[in-house]
Amino acid sequence: MIITPTDKLLGKKLRQIREAKGFSQERLAKEIGVVFQQIQKYETGVNRLSCSRLLKILDVLNISVIDFFADISVSDHPLVSREEQLLFRAYRQKSPQAQQAILILLGDGYKF
């Protein structure tokens, strides 16, 4: 398997979030059911993160997929723009009425 610069970037982002959340590699590993060396390998980009493993990690760290991929670019294209991240956060934190208003602004007849 060839490890790409994107794999290393995702590992670095994982380490930053884990540390910001106050998790040790050992604690995170225990919570997701792996040994801490596996977390080390993810964070250094030696091992590639599968989608299912990443989702489990984000759940444990209480981080949304949108927030995880914010500020990450592939081929000079951001995966999630700052505006998309702000919209997502606003939608998640607002009342049902505010969510409905956001959906109406988006169009396409989105309704609760």
PDB file of N, CA and C in Angstrom:
ATOM      1  N   MET A   1       0.848  -1.182   0.000  1.00  0.00           N
ATOM      2  CA  MET A   1       0.000   0.000   0.000  1.00  0.00           C
ATOM      3  C   MET A   1       0.891   1.241   0.000  1.00  0.00           C
ATOM      4  N   ILE A   2       0.539   2.174  -0.831  1.00  0.00           N
ATOM      5  CA  ILE A   2       1.272   3.433  -0.918  1.00  0.00           C
ATOM      6  C   ILE A   2       0.577   4.462  -0.038  1.00  0.00           C
ATOM      7  N   ILE A   3       1.354   5.058   0.850  1.00  0.00           N
ATOM      8  CA  ILE A   3       0.830   6.110   1.717  1.00  0.00           C
ATOM      9  C   ILE A   3       1.025   7.442   1.000  1.00  0.00           C
ATOM     10  N   THR A   4      -0.033   8.218   0.942  1.00  0.00           N
ATOM     11  CA  THR A   4      -0.006   9.488   0.210  1.00  0.00           C
ATOM     12  C   THR A   4       0.181  10.669   1.165  1.00  0.00           C
ATOM     13  N   PRO A   5       0.489  11.833   0.624  1.00  0.00           N
ATOM     14  CA  PRO A   5       0.547  13.036   1.471  1.00  0.00           C
ATOM     15  C   PRO A   5      -0.783  13.297   2.183  1.00  0.00           C
ATOM     16  N   THR A   6      -1.893  12.939   1.546  1.00  0.00           N
ATOM     17  CA  THR A   6      -3.200  13.119   2.180  1.00  0.00           C
ATOM     18  C   THR A   6      -3.325  12.240   3.419  1.00  0.00           C
ATOM     19  N   ASP A   7      -2.820  11.002   3.344  1.00  0.00           N
ATOM     20  CA  ASP A   7      -2.846  10.116   4.518  1.00  0.00           C
ATOM     21  C   ASP A   7      -2.076  10.744   5.674  1.00  0.00           C
ATOM     22  N   LYS A   8      -0.932  11.319   5.374  1.00  0.00           N
ATOM     23  CA  LYS A   8      -0.130  11.958   6.416  1.00  0.00           C
ATOM     24  C   LYS A   8      -0.834  13.189   6.977  1.00  0.00           C
ATOM     25  N   LEU A   9      -1.491  13.948   6.104  1.00  0.00           N
ATOM     26  CA  LEU A   9      -2.237  15.130   6.532  1.00  0.00           C
ATOM     27  C   LEU A   9      -3.393  14.745   7.444  1.00  0.00           C
ATOM     28  N   LEU A  10      -4.115  13.686   7.102  1.00  0.00           N
ATOM     29  CA  LEU A  10      -5.226  13.225   7.950  1.00  0.00           C
ATOM     30  C   LEU A  10      -4.708  12.745   9.305  1.00  0.00           C
ATOM     31  N   GLY A  11      -3.575  12.071   9.304  1.00  0.00           N
ATOM     32  CA  GLY A  11      -2.978  11.627  10.562  1.00  0.00           C
ATOM     33  C   GLY A  11      -2.582  12.793  11.444  1.00  0.00           C
ATOM     34  N   LYS A  12      -2.015  13.818  10.822  1.00  0.00           N
ATOM     35  CA  LYS A  12      -1.619  15.016  11.577  1.00  0.00           C
ATOM     36  C   LYS A  12      -2.848  15.692  12.175  1.00  0.00           C
ATOM     37  N   LYS A  13      -3.914  15.777  11.385  1.00  0.00           N
ATOM     38  CA  LYS A  13      -5.161  16.384  11.868  1.00  0.00           C
ATOM     39  C   LYS A  13      -5.731  15.579  13.028  1.00  0.00           C
ATOM     40  N   LEU A  14      -5.682  14.253  12.915  1.00  0.00           N
ATOM     41  CA  LEU A  14      -6.147  13.385  14.002  1.00  0.00           C
ATOM     42  C   LEU A  14      -5.359  13.672  15.282  1.00  0.00           C
ATOM     43  N   ARG A  15      -4.051  13.757  15.180  1.00  0.00           N
ATOM     44  CA  ARG A  15      -3.228  14.028  16.361  1.00  0.00           C
ATOM     45  C   ARG A  15      -3.585  15.374  16.991  1.00  0.00           C
ATOM     46  N   GLN A  16      -3.767  16.415  16.150  1.00  0.00           N
ATOM     47  CA  GLN A  16      -4.107  17.739  16.665  1.00  0.00           C
ATOM     48  C   GLN A  16      -5.431  17.713  17.432  1.00  0.00           C
ATOM     49  N   ILE A  17      -6.417  17.055  16.867  1.00  0.00           N
ATOM     50  CA  ILE A  17      -7.731  16.997  17.512  1.00  0.00           C
ATOM     51  C   ILE A  17      -7.670  16.159  18.784  1.00  0.00           C
ATOM     52  N   ARG A  18      -6.981  15.026  18.719  1.00  0.00           N
ATOM     53  CA  ARG A  18      -6.869  14.160  19.904  1.00  0.00           C
ATOM     54  C   ARG A  18      -6.234  14.927  21.050  1.00  0.00           C
ATOM     55  N   GLU A  19      -5.145  15.634  20.764  1.00  0.00           N
ATOM     56  CA  GLU A  19      -4.459  16.388  21.809  1.00  0.00           C
ATOM     57  C   GLU A  19      -5.324  17.537  22.318  1.00  0.00           C
ATOM     58  N   ALA A  20      -6.019  18.223  21.409  1.00  0.00           N
ATOM     59  CA  ALA A  20      -6.894  19.332  21.821  1.00  0.00           C
ATOM     60  C   ALA A  20      -8.020  18.845  22.722  1.00  0.00           C
ATOM     61  N   LYS A  21      -8.472  17.622  22.508  1.00  0.00           N
ATOM     62  CA  LYS A  21      -9.548  17.040  23.320  1.00  0.00           C
ATOM     63  C   LYS A  21      -9.019  16.415  24.608  1.00  0.00           C
ATOM     64  N   GLY A  22      -7.700  16.418  24.795  1.00  0.00           N
ATOM     65  CA  GLY A  22      -7.109  15.899  26.024  1.00  0.00           C
ATOM     66  C   GLY A  22      -7.048  14.382  26.106  1.00  0.00           C
ATOM     67  N   PHE A  23      -7.057  13.720  24.969  1.00  0.00           N
ATOM     68  CA  PHE A  23      -6.972  12.259  24.929  1.00  0.00           C
ATOM     69  C   PHE A  23      -5.529  11.844  24.720  1.00  0.00           C
ATOM     70  N   SER A  24      -5.080  10.850  25.466  1.00  0.00           N
ATOM     71  CA  SER A  24      -3.791  10.230  25.173  1.00  0.00           C
ATOM     72  C   SER A  24      -4.002   9.223  24.056  1.00  0.00           C
ATOM     73  N   GLN A  25      -2.925   8.779  23.440  1.00  0.00           N
ATOM     74  CA  GLN A  25      -3.043   7.723  22.429  1.00  0.00           C
ATOM     75  C   GLN A  25      -3.612   6.459  23.058  1.00  0.00           C
ATOM     76  N   GLU A  26      -3.200   6.180  24.289  1.00  0.00           N
ATOM     77  CA  GLU A  26      -3.674   4.980  24.986  1.00  0.00           C
ATOM     78  C   GLU A  26      -5.184   5.040  25.227  1.00  0.00           C
ATOM     79  N   ARG A  27      -5.663   6.186  25.674  1.00  0.00           N
ATOM     80  CA  ARG A  27      -7.096   6.324  25.960  1.00  0.00           C
ATOM     81  C   ARG A  27      -7.934   6.185  24.688  1.00  0.00           C
ATOM     82  N   LEU A  28      -7.514   6.869  23.633  1.00  0.00           N
ATOM     83  CA  LEU A  28      -8.251   6.778  22.381  1.00  0.00           C
ATOM     84  C   LEU A  28      -8.240   5.350  21.852  1.00  0.00           C
ATOM     85  N   ALA A  29      -7.084   4.716  21.912  1.00  0.00           N
ATOM     86  CA  ALA A  29      -6.971   3.334  21.441  1.00  0.00           C
ATOM     87  C   ALA A  29      -7.926   2.420  22.197  1.00  0.00           C
ATOM     88  N   LYS A  30      -7.957   2.563  23.507  1.00  0.00           N
ATOM     89  CA  LYS A  30      -8.844   1.727  24.323  1.00  0.00           C
ATOM     90  C   LYS A  30     -10.304   1.949  23.952  1.00  0.00           C
ATOM     91  N   GLU A  31     -10.679   3.219  23.734  1.00  0.00           N
ATOM     92  CA  GLU A  31     -12.074   3.553  23.422  1.00  0.00           C
ATOM     93  C   GLU A  31     -12.531   2.993  22.074  1.00  0.00           C
ATOM     94  N   ILE A  32     -11.581   2.852  21.131  1.00  0.00           N
ATOM     95  CA  ILE A  32     -11.979   2.345  19.813  1.00  0.00           C
ATOM     96  C   ILE A  32     -11.595   0.879  19.612  1.00  0.00           C
ATOM     97  N   GLY A  33     -10.938   0.279  20.605  1.00  0.00           N
ATOM     98  CA  GLY A  33     -10.655  -1.146  20.550  1.00  0.00           C
ATOM     99  C   GLY A  33      -9.412  -1.549  19.771  1.00  0.00           C
ATOM    100  N   VAL A  34      -8.371  -0.706  19.826  1.00  0.00           N
ATOM    101  CA  VAL A  34      -7.093  -1.054  19.204  1.00  0.00           C
ATOM    102  C   VAL A  34      -5.982  -0.789  20.214  1.00  0.00           C
ATOM    103  N   VAL A  35      -4.764  -1.173  19.868  1.00  0.00           N
ATOM    104  CA  VAL A  35      -3.616  -0.873  20.727  1.00  0.00           C
ATOM    105  C   VAL A  35      -3.110   0.527  20.391  1.00  0.00           C
ATOM    106  N   PHE A  36      -2.435   1.162  21.331  1.00  0.00           N
ATOM    107  CA  PHE A  36      -2.031   2.554  21.128  1.00  0.00           C
ATOM    108  C   PHE A  36      -1.042   2.692  19.973  1.00  0.00           C
ATOM    109  N   GLN A  37      -0.301   1.623  19.664  1.00  0.00           N
ATOM    110  CA  GLN A  37       0.625   1.691  18.537  1.00  0.00           C
ATOM    111  C   GLN A  37      -0.127   1.934  17.221  1.00  0.00           C
ATOM    112  N   GLN A  38      -1.356   1.452  17.150  1.00  0.00           N
ATOM    113  CA  GLN A  38      -2.153   1.675  15.944  1.00  0.00           C
ATOM    114  C   GLN A  38      -2.490   3.153  15.792  1.00  0.00           C
ATOM    115  N   ILE A  39      -2.786   3.804  16.909  1.00  0.00           N
ATOM    116  CA  ILE A  39      -3.050   5.246  16.874  1.00  0.00           C
ATOM    117  C   ILE A  39      -1.794   5.976  16.404  1.00  0.00           C
ATOM    118  N   GLN A  40      -0.640   5.560  16.908  1.00  0.00           N
ATOM    119  CA  GLN A  40       0.625   6.159  16.464  1.00  0.00           C
ATOM    120  C   GLN A  40       0.786   6.030  14.954  1.00  0.00           C
ATOM    121  N   LYS A  41       0.473   4.857  14.435  1.00  0.00           N
ATOM    122  CA  LYS A  41       0.621   4.614  12.999  1.00  0.00           C
ATOM    123  C   LYS A  41      -0.358   5.460  12.187  1.00  0.00           C
ATOM    124  N   TYR A  42      -1.574   5.638  12.691  1.00  0.00           N
ATOM    125  CA  TYR A  42      -2.529   6.511  12.009  1.00  0.00           C
ATOM    126  C   TYR A  42      -2.005   7.948  11.987  1.00  0.00           C
ATOM    127  N   GLU A  43      -1.528   8.401  13.137  1.00  0.00           N
ATOM    128  CA  GLU A  43      -1.119   9.798  13.266  1.00  0.00           C
ATOM    129  C   GLU A  43       0.132  10.134  12.466  1.00  0.00           C
ATOM    130  N   THR A  44       0.995   9.171  12.259  1.00  0.00           N
ATOM    131  CA  THR A  44       2.202   9.417  11.469  1.00  0.00           C
ATOM    132  C   THR A  44       1.984   9.130   9.996  1.00  0.00           C
ATOM    133  N   GLY A  45       0.831   8.573   9.651  1.00  0.00           N
ATOM    134  CA  GLY A  45       0.536   8.258   8.265  1.00  0.00           C
ATOM    135  C   GLY A  45       1.131   6.950   7.800  1.00  0.00           C
ATOM    136  N   VAL A  46       1.677   6.165   8.726  1.00  0.00           N
ATOM    137  CA  VAL A  46       2.227   4.856   8.364  1.00  0.00           C
ATOM    138  C   VAL A  46       1.104   3.907   7.969  1.00  0.00           C
ATOM    139  N   ASN A  47      -0.015   3.984   8.678  1.00  0.00           N
ATOM    140  CA  ASN A  47      -1.202   3.201   8.336  1.00  0.00           C
ATOM    141  C   ASN A  47      -2.319   4.146   7.921  1.00  0.00           C
ATOM    142  N   ARG A  48      -3.032   3.742   6.911  1.00  0.00           N
ATOM    143  CA  ARG A  48      -4.144   4.532   6.382  1.00  0.00           C
ATOM    144  C   ARG A  48      -5.385   4.309   7.243  1.00  0.00           C
ATOM    145  N   LEU A  49      -6.127   5.383   7.500  1.00  0.00           N
ATOM    146  CA  LEU A  49      -7.378   5.306   8.258  1.00  0.00           C
ATOM    147  C   LEU A  49      -8.511   4.861   7.346  1.00  0.00           C
ATOM    148  N   SER A  50      -9.222   3.816   7.722  1.00  0.00           N
ATOM    149  CA  SER A  50     -10.420   3.447   6.967  1.00  0.00           C
ATOM    150  C   SER A  50     -11.542   4.400   7.362  1.00  0.00           C
ATOM    151  N   CYS A  51     -12.534   4.475   6.518  1.00  0.00           N
ATOM    152  CA  CYS A  51     -13.669   5.361   6.788  1.00  0.00           C
ATOM    153  C   CYS A  51     -14.379   4.950   8.079  1.00  0.00           C
ATOM    154  N   SER A  52     -14.612   3.660   8.247  1.00  0.00           N
ATOM    155  CA  SER A  52     -15.328   3.202   9.444  1.00  0.00           C
ATOM    156  C   SER A  52     -14.528   3.481  10.709  1.00  0.00           C
ATOM    157  N   ARG A  53     -13.212   3.313  10.646  1.00  0.00           N
ATOM    158  CA  ARG A  53     -12.376   3.596  11.822  1.00  0.00           C
ATOM    159  C   ARG A  53     -12.357   5.087  12.110  1.00  0.00           C
ATOM    160  N   LEU A  54     -12.265   5.905  11.074  1.00  0.00           N
ATOM    161  CA  LEU A  54     -12.278   7.348  11.271  1.00  0.00           C
ATOM    162  C   LEU A  54     -13.587   7.797  11.906  1.00  0.00           C
ATOM    163  N   LEU A  55     -14.706   7.262  11.435  1.00  0.00           N
ATOM    164  CA  LEU A  55     -16.005   7.627  12.010  1.00  0.00           C
ATOM    165  C   LEU A  55     -16.091   7.243  13.482  1.00  0.00           C
ATOM    166  N   LYS A  56     -15.536   6.088  13.834  1.00  0.00           N
ATOM    167  CA  LYS A  56     -15.536   5.664  15.239  1.00  0.00           C
ATOM    168  C   LYS A  56     -14.683   6.610  16.078  1.00  0.00           C
ATOM    169  N   ILE A  57     -13.524   6.974  15.557  1.00  0.00           N
ATOM    170  CA  ILE A  57     -12.643   7.903  16.276  1.00  0.00           C
ATOM    171  C   ILE A  57     -13.328   9.257  16.468  1.00  0.00           C
ATOM    172  N   LEU A  58     -13.945   9.769  15.412  1.00  0.00           N
ATOM    173  CA  LEU A  58     -14.617  11.067  15.507  1.00  0.00           C
ATOM    174  C   LEU A  58     -15.768  11.021  16.499  1.00  0.00           C
ATOM    175  N   ASP A  59     -16.459   9.892  16.555  1.00  0.00           N
ATOM    176  CA  ASP A  59     -17.542   9.741  17.520  1.00  0.00           C
ATOM    177  C   ASP A  59     -16.994   9.803  18.945  1.00  0.00           C
ATOM    178  N   VAL A  60     -15.915   9.088  19.203  1.00  0.00           N
ATOM    179  CA  VAL A  60     -15.304   9.087  20.534  1.00  0.00           C
ATOM    180  C   VAL A  60     -14.811  10.483  20.905  1.00  0.00           C
ATOM    181  N   LEU A  61     -14.230  11.186  19.933  1.00  0.00           N
ATOM    182  CA  LEU A  61     -13.700  12.526  20.195  1.00  0.00           C
ATOM    183  C   LEU A  61     -14.774  13.610  20.127  1.00  0.00           C
ATOM    184  N   ASN A  62     -16.004  13.216  19.757  1.00  0.00           N
ATOM    185  CA  ASN A  62     -17.129  14.140  19.632  1.00  0.00           C
ATOM    186  C   ASN A  62     -16.818  15.273  18.641  1.00  0.00           C
ATOM    187  N   ILE A  63     -16.373  14.861  17.462  1.00  0.00           N
ATOM    188  CA  ILE A  63     -16.030  15.785  16.384  1.00  0.00           C
ATOM    189  C   ILE A  63     -16.840  15.393  15.161  1.00  0.00           C
ATOM    190  N   SER A  64     -17.406  16.373  14.478  1.00  0.00           N
ATOM    191  CA  SER A  64     -18.159  16.075  13.255  1.00  0.00           C
ATOM    192  C   SER A  64     -17.195  15.836  12.096  1.00  0.00           C
ATOM    193  N   VAL A  65     -17.674  15.127  11.109  1.00  0.00           N
ATOM    194  CA  VAL A  65     -16.889  14.894   9.899  1.00  0.00           C
ATOM    195  C   VAL A  65     -16.549  16.221   9.230  1.00  0.00           C
ATOM    196  N   ILE A  66     -17.510  17.139   9.230  1.00  0.00           N
ATOM    197  CA  ILE A  66     -17.294  18.462   8.638  1.00  0.00           C
ATOM    198  C   ILE A  66     -16.133  19.169   9.334  1.00  0.00           C
ATOM    199  N   ASP A  67     -16.131  19.158  10.665  1.00  0.00           N
ATOM    200  CA  ASP A  67     -15.057  19.824  11.401  1.00  0.00           C
ATOM    201  C   ASP A  67     -13.716  19.129  11.185  1.00  0.00           C
ATOM    202  N   PHE A  68     -13.734  17.809  11.059  1.00  0.00           N
ATOM    203  CA  PHE A  68     -12.476  17.092  10.841  1.00  0.00           C
ATOM    204  C   PHE A  68     -11.862  17.477   9.499  1.00  0.00           C
ATOM    205  N   PHE A  69     -12.669  17.551   8.459  1.00  0.00           N
ATOM    206  CA  PHE A  69     -12.138  17.812   7.128  1.00  0.00           C
ATOM    207  C   PHE A  69     -11.972  19.292   6.806  1.00  0.00           C
ATOM    208  N   ALA A  70     -12.401  20.166   7.706  1.00  0.00           N
ATOM    209  CA  ALA A  70     -12.187  21.592   7.502  1.00  0.00           C
ATOM    210  C   ALA A  70     -10.688  21.865   7.450  1.00  0.00           C
ATOM    211  N   ASP A  71     -10.293  22.768   6.592  1.00  0.00           N
ATOM    212  CA  ASP A  71      -8.892  23.182   6.434  1.00  0.00           C
ATOM    213  C   ASP A  71      -8.006  22.124   5.789  1.00  0.00           C
ATOM    214  N   ILE A  72      -8.596  21.068   5.241  1.00  0.00           N
ATOM    215  CA  ILE A  72      -7.823  20.066   4.518  1.00  0.00           C
ATOM    216  C   ILE A  72      -8.117  20.232   3.034  1.00  0.00           C
ATOM    217  N   SER A  73      -7.061  20.310   2.253  1.00  0.00           N
ATOM    218  CA  SER A  73      -7.195  20.451   0.806  1.00  0.00           C
ATOM    219  C   SER A  73      -6.560  19.253   0.116  1.00  0.00           C
ATOM    220  N   VAL A  74      -7.175  18.855  -0.981  1.00  0.00           N
ATOM    221  CA  VAL A  74      -6.631  17.810  -1.835  1.00  0.00           C
ATOM    222  C   VAL A  74      -6.507  18.408  -3.225  1.00  0.00           C
ATOM    223  N   SER A  75      -5.325  18.342  -3.790  1.00  0.00           N
ATOM    224  CA  SER A  75      -5.062  18.942  -5.107  1.00  0.00           C
ATOM    225  C   SER A  75      -5.461  20.418  -5.120  1.00  0.00           C
ATOM    226  N   ASP A  76      -5.126  21.110  -4.048  1.00  0.00           N
ATOM    227  CA  ASP A  76      -5.400  22.547  -3.904  1.00  0.00           C
ATOM    228  C   ASP A  76      -6.873  22.909  -3.877  1.00  0.00           C
ATOM    229  N   HIS A  77      -7.735  21.936  -3.592  1.00  0.00           N
ATOM    230  CA  HIS A  77      -9.162  22.194  -3.454  1.00  0.00           C
ATOM    231  C   HIS A  77      -9.575  21.839  -2.025  1.00  0.00           C
ATOM    232  N   PRO A  78     -10.135  22.800  -1.296  1.00  0.00           N
ATOM    233  CA  PRO A  78     -10.562  22.476   0.075  1.00  0.00           C
ATOM    234  C   PRO A  78     -11.689  21.447   0.053  1.00  0.00           C
ATOM    235  N   LEU A  79     -11.625  20.481   0.958  1.00  0.00           N
ATOM    236  CA  LEU A  79     -12.689  19.491   1.060  1.00  0.00           C
ATOM    237  C   LEU A  79     -13.938  20.122   1.654  1.00  0.00           C
ATOM    238  N   VAL A  80     -13.741  21.019   2.604  1.00  0.00           N
ATOM    239  CA  VAL A  80     -14.849  21.731   3.239  1.00  0.00           C
ATOM    240  C   VAL A  80     -14.424  23.191   3.359  1.00  0.00           C
ATOM    241  N   SER A  81     -15.203  24.075   2.761  1.00  0.00           N
ATOM    242  CA  SER A  81     -14.863  25.490   2.851  1.00  0.00           C
ATOM    243  C   SER A  81     -15.229  26.028   4.238  1.00  0.00           C
ATOM    244  N   ARG A  82     -14.689  27.156   4.558  1.00  0.00           N
ATOM    245  CA  ARG A  82     -15.009  27.818   5.832  1.00  0.00           C
ATOM    246  C   ARG A  82     -16.502  28.127   5.900  1.00  0.00           C
ATOM    247  N   GLU A  83     -17.076  28.525   4.790  1.00  0.00           N
ATOM    248  CA  GLU A  83     -18.505  28.851   4.756  1.00  0.00           C
ATOM    249  C   GLU A  83     -19.360  27.610   5.010  1.00  0.00           C
ATOM    250  N   GLU A  84     -18.972  26.477   4.412  1.00  0.00           N
ATOM    251  CA  GLU A  84     -19.712  25.236   4.637  1.00  0.00           C
ATOM    252  C   GLU A  84     -19.628  24.812   6.102  1.00  0.00           C
ATOM    253  N   GLN A  85     -18.469  24.976   6.673  1.00  0.00           N
ATOM    254  CA  GLN A  85     -18.296  24.636   8.086  1.00  0.00           C
ATOM    255  C   GLN A  85     -19.176  25.529   8.961  1.00  0.00           C
ATOM    256  N   LEU A  86     -19.220  26.821   8.689  1.00  0.00           N
ATOM    257  CA  LEU A  86     -20.052  27.741   9.464  1.00  0.00           C
ATOM    258  C   LEU A  86     -21.531  27.415   9.316  1.00  0.00           C
ATOM    259  N   LEU A  87     -21.957  27.096   8.096  1.00  0.00           N
ATOM    260  CA  LEU A  87     -23.355  26.742   7.861  1.00  0.00           C
ATOM    261  C   LEU A  87     -23.729  25.480   8.631  1.00  0.00           C
ATOM    262  N   PHE A  88     -22.872  24.492   8.580  1.00  0.00           N
ATOM    263  CA  PHE A  88     -23.122  23.241   9.291  1.00  0.00           C
ATOM    264  C   PHE A  88     -23.237  23.481  10.799  1.00  0.00           C
ATOM    265  N   ARG A  89     -22.292  24.246  11.340  1.00  0.00           N
ATOM    266  CA  ARG A  89     -22.322  24.526  12.781  1.00  0.00           C
ATOM    267  C   ARG A  89     -23.573  25.309  13.169  1.00  0.00           C
ATOM    268  N   ALA A  90     -23.933  26.284  12.351  1.00  0.00           N
ATOM    269  CA  ALA A  90     -25.129  27.074  12.648  1.00  0.00           C
ATOM    270  C   ALA A  90     -26.361  26.189  12.637  1.00  0.00           C
ATOM    271  N   TYR A  91     -26.444  25.321  11.682  1.00  0.00           N
ATOM    272  CA  TYR A  91     -27.597  24.418  11.594  1.00  0.00           C
ATOM    273  C   TYR A  91     -27.661  23.502  12.809  1.00  0.00           C
ATOM    274  N   ARG A  92     -26.537  22.960  13.219  1.00  0.00           N
ATOM    275  CA  ARG A  92     -26.495  22.031  14.346  1.00  0.00           C
ATOM    276  C   ARG A  92     -26.827  22.691  15.682  1.00  0.00           C
ATOM    277  N   GLN A  93     -26.517  23.968  15.823  1.00  0.00           N
ATOM    278  CA  GLN A  93     -26.658  24.626  17.125  1.00  0.00           C
ATOM    279  C   GLN A  93     -27.939  25.433  17.271  1.00  0.00           C
ATOM    280  N   LYS A  94     -28.728  25.542  16.253  1.00  0.00           N
ATOM    281  CA  LYS A  94     -29.899  26.406  16.310  1.00  0.00           C
ATOM    282  C   LYS A  94     -31.173  25.635  16.612  1.00  0.00           C
ATOM    283  N   SER A  95     -32.225  26.383  16.867  1.00  0.00           N
ATOM    284  CA  SER A  95     -33.543  25.831  17.166  1.00  0.00           C
ATOM    285  C   SER A  95     -34.150  25.214  15.906  1.00  0.00           C
ATOM    286  N   PRO A  96     -35.172  24.377  16.061  1.00  0.00           N
ATOM    287  CA  PRO A  96     -35.855  23.822  14.872  1.00  0.00           C
ATOM    288  C   PRO A  96     -36.364  24.909  13.927  1.00  0.00           C
ATOM    289  N   GLN A  97     -36.803  26.037  14.475  1.00  0.00           N
ATOM    290  CA  GLN A  97     -37.283  27.117  13.627  1.00  0.00           C
ATOM    291  C   GLN A  97     -36.135  27.703  12.789  1.00  0.00           C
ATOM    292  N   ALA A  98     -34.984  27.892  13.414  1.00  0.00           N
ATOM    293  CA  ALA A  98     -33.821  28.409  12.681  1.00  0.00           C
ATOM    294  C   ALA A  98     -33.355  27.394  11.647  1.00  0.00           C
ATOM    295  N   GLN A  99     -33.402  26.107  11.997  1.00  0.00           N
ATOM    296  CA  GLN A  99     -33.033  25.072  11.035  1.00  0.00           C
ATOM    297  C   GLN A  99     -33.964  25.102   9.830  1.00  0.00           C
ATOM    298  N   GLN A 100     -35.255  25.260  10.084  1.00  0.00           N
ATOM    299  CA  GLN A 100     -36.228  25.347   8.994  1.00  0.00           C
ATOM    300  C   GLN A 100     -35.931  26.544   8.106  1.00  0.00           C
ATOM    301  N   ALA A 101     -35.603  27.678   8.702  1.00  0.00           N
ATOM    302  CA  ALA A 101     -35.289  28.884   7.929  1.00  0.00           C
ATOM    303  C   ALA A 101     -34.046  28.652   7.060  1.00  0.00           C
ATOM    304  N   ILE A 102     -33.047  27.981   7.611  1.00  0.00           N
ATOM    305  CA  ILE A 102     -31.842  27.679   6.834  1.00  0.00           C
ATOM    306  C   ILE A 102     -32.198  26.786   5.644  1.00  0.00           C
ATOM    307  N   LEU A 103     -33.021  25.787   5.883  1.00  0.00           N
ATOM    308  CA  LEU A 103     -33.414  24.884   4.799  1.00  0.00           C
ATOM    309  C   LEU A 103     -34.224  25.601   3.730  1.00  0.00           C
ATOM    310  N   ILE A 104     -35.082  26.525   4.146  1.00  0.00           N
ATOM    311  CA  ILE A 104     -35.861  27.298   3.167  1.00  0.00           C
ATOM    312  C   ILE A 104     -34.927  28.150   2.305  1.00  0.00           C
ATOM    313  N   LEU A 105     -33.924  28.753   2.933  1.00  0.00           N
ATOM    314  CA  LEU A 105     -32.952  29.540   2.178  1.00  0.00           C
ATOM    315  C   LEU A 105     -32.196  28.675   1.167  1.00  0.00           C
ATOM    316  N   LEU A 106     -31.956  27.430   1.524  1.00  0.00           N
ATOM    317  CA  LEU A 106     -31.247  26.523   0.617  1.00  0.00           C
ATOM    318  C   LEU A 106     -32.089  26.140  -0.591  1.00  0.00           C
ATOM    319  N   GLY A 107     -33.414  26.208  -0.434  1.00  0.00           N
ATOM    320  CA  GLY A 107     -34.293  25.891  -1.543  1.00  0.00           C
ATOM    321  C   GLY A 107     -34.568  24.402  -1.664  1.00  0.00           C
ATOM    322  N   ASP A 108     -35.037  23.991  -2.827  1.00  0.00           N
ATOM    323  CA  ASP A 108     -35.345  22.604  -3.126  1.00  0.00           C
ATOM    324  C   ASP A 108     -36.428  22.025  -2.227  1.00  0.00           C
ATOM    325  N   GLY A 109     -37.198  22.860  -1.552  1.00  0.00           N
ATOM    326  CA  GLY A 109     -38.334  22.376  -0.793  1.00  0.00           C
ATOM    327  C   GLY A 109     -38.004  21.548   0.440  1.00  0.00           C
ATOM    328  N   TYR A 110     -36.843  21.737   1.019  1.00  0.00           N
ATOM    329  CA  TYR A 110     -36.502  20.996   2.231  1.00  0.00           C
ATOM    330  C   TYR A 110     -37.431  21.409   3.351  1.00  0.00           C
ATOM    331  N   LYS A 111     -38.030  20.423   4.002  1.00  0.00           N
ATOM    332  CA  LYS A 111     -38.922  20.705   5.122  1.00  0.00           C
ATOM    333  C   LYS A 111     -38.773  19.635   6.174  1.00  0.00           C
ATOM    334  N   PHE A 112     -39.140  19.997   7.387  1.00  0.00           N
ATOM    335  CA  PHE A 112     -39.129  19.035   8.491  1.00  0.00           C
ATOM    336  C   PHE A 112     -40.356  18.163   8.388  1.00  0.00           C
TER     337      PHE A 112
END
